[in-house]
Amino acid sequence: MNRSELIDSIAKRQNLPRRQAEDAVNAIFDAIVGAMKQDERIEIRGFGSFTTRHYGSYTGRNPRTGDAVSVPEKRLPFFRVGKDLRDRLNLDD
């Protein structure tokens, strides 16, 4: 499912105009990204948690030339699935 399909699904399930569903999805994503930019942890009970992981700079190699390349430090998003979601996915239908 992509973002557009998620918006359409919410609009249909909640009987909302597509524009309102799109605004709701965008507001949720913006809130999550904003919190992660400030290194906050986001926990949605029963679904999972979002955090950022910090990676320091290091010297890597260009695979084509073999030259040493300096890789700057970075932050990457990390999602850990919640127990309830994991259990719901593994239920036998």
Protein backbone atom coordinates (compact mmCIF):
# COMPACT_ATOMS: atom_id res chain seq x y z
CA MET A 1 0.00 0.00 0.00
CA ASN A 2 1.37 3.41 -0.89
CA ARG A 3 0.49 6.84 0.51
CA SER A 4 -2.27 7.50 -2.02
CA GLU A 5 -3.90 4.12 -1.35
CA LEU A 6 -3.72 4.78 2.40
CA ILE A 7 -5.51 8.11 1.92
CA ASP A 8 -8.19 6.48 -0.24
CA SER A 9 -8.67 3.70 2.33
CA ILE A 10 -9.09 6.15 5.21
CA ALA A 11 -11.48 8.32 3.20
CA LYS A 12 -13.62 5.29 2.35
CA ARG A 13 -13.61 3.71 5.83
CA GLN A 14 -14.40 6.95 7.66
CA ASN A 15 -16.72 8.31 4.96
CA LEU A 16 -14.61 11.47 4.59
CA PRO A 17 -13.82 13.59 1.58
CA ARG A 18 -10.45 12.56 0.13
CA ARG A 19 -8.99 16.00 0.92
CA GLN A 20 -9.76 15.64 4.64
CA ALA A 21 -8.25 12.16 4.74
CA GLU A 22 -5.16 13.47 2.95
CA ASP A 23 -4.83 16.32 5.47
CA ALA A 24 -5.09 13.82 8.35
CA VAL A 25 -2.42 11.51 6.89
CA ASN A 26 -0.12 14.45 6.18
CA ALA A 27 -0.59 15.80 9.71
CA ILE A 28 0.32 12.43 11.23
CA PHE A 29 3.41 12.02 9.05
CA ASP A 30 4.51 15.60 9.70
CA ALA A 31 4.16 15.09 13.46
CA ILE A 32 6.21 11.88 13.35
CA VAL A 33 8.95 13.45 11.22
CA GLY A 34 9.03 16.59 13.38
CA ALA A 35 9.43 14.55 16.55
CA MET A 36 12.14 12.40 15.00
CA LYS A 37 14.06 15.49 13.88
CA GLN A 38 14.18 16.49 17.55
CA ASP A 39 15.36 12.98 18.51
CA GLU A 40 12.11 12.17 20.27
CA ARG A 41 10.77 8.63 20.45
CA ILE A 42 7.28 8.07 19.04
CA GLU A 43 5.33 5.16 20.46
CA ILE A 44 1.95 4.11 19.11
CA ARG A 45 0.62 1.47 21.50
CA GLY A 46 -0.24 -1.77 19.76
CA PHE A 47 1.50 -0.69 16.54
CA GLY A 48 5.14 0.10 17.23
CA SER A 49 7.70 2.77 17.95
CA PHE A 50 9.80 5.07 15.81
CA THR A 51 13.26 6.23 16.88
CA THR A 52 16.35 7.63 15.27
CA ARG A 53 19.71 5.89 15.34
CA HIS A 54 22.90 7.87 15.16
CA TYR A 55 25.83 6.62 13.12
CA GLY A 56 29.24 8.25 13.36
CA SER A 57 31.38 9.21 10.41
CA TYR A 58 33.75 6.65 8.96
CA THR A 59 36.05 6.07 6.02
CA GLY A 60 34.51 3.92 3.32
CA ARG A 61 35.65 2.77 -0.10
CA ASN A 62 34.36 3.67 -3.53
CA PRO A 63 33.58 0.21 -4.98
CA ARG A 64 34.36 1.31 -8.52
CA THR A 65 37.77 2.90 -7.93
CA GLY A 66 38.77 1.59 -4.51
CA ASP A 67 39.53 5.14 -3.33
CA ALA A 68 38.92 6.03 0.29
CA VAL A 69 35.79 8.13 0.81
CA SER A 70 34.81 10.00 3.96
CA VAL A 71 31.23 9.18 4.95
CA PRO A 72 29.70 11.87 7.20
CA GLU A 73 27.77 11.04 10.37
CA LYS A 74 24.06 10.51 9.90
CA ARG A 75 20.77 9.76 11.62
CA LEU A 76 18.50 7.05 10.26
CA PRO A 77 14.90 6.25 11.21
CA PHE A 78 14.23 2.95 12.91
CA PHE A 79 10.88 1.24 13.47
CA ARG A 80 10.30 -1.48 16.02
CA VAL A 81 7.03 -3.38 15.64
CA GLY A 82 4.77 -3.65 18.68
CA LYS A 83 3.75 -6.96 20.23
CA ASP A 84 0.05 -6.51 19.40
CA LEU A 85 0.75 -5.89 15.71
CA ARG A 86 3.19 -8.80 15.54
CA ASP A 87 0.62 -11.09 17.15
CA ARG A 88 -2.16 -9.92 14.81
CA LEU A 89 0.02 -10.61 11.77
CA ASN A 90 0.77 -14.12 12.93
CA LEU A 91 -2.81 -15.20 13.69
CA ASP A 92 -4.05 -18.09 11.60
CA ASP A 93 -6.94 -17.02 9.40
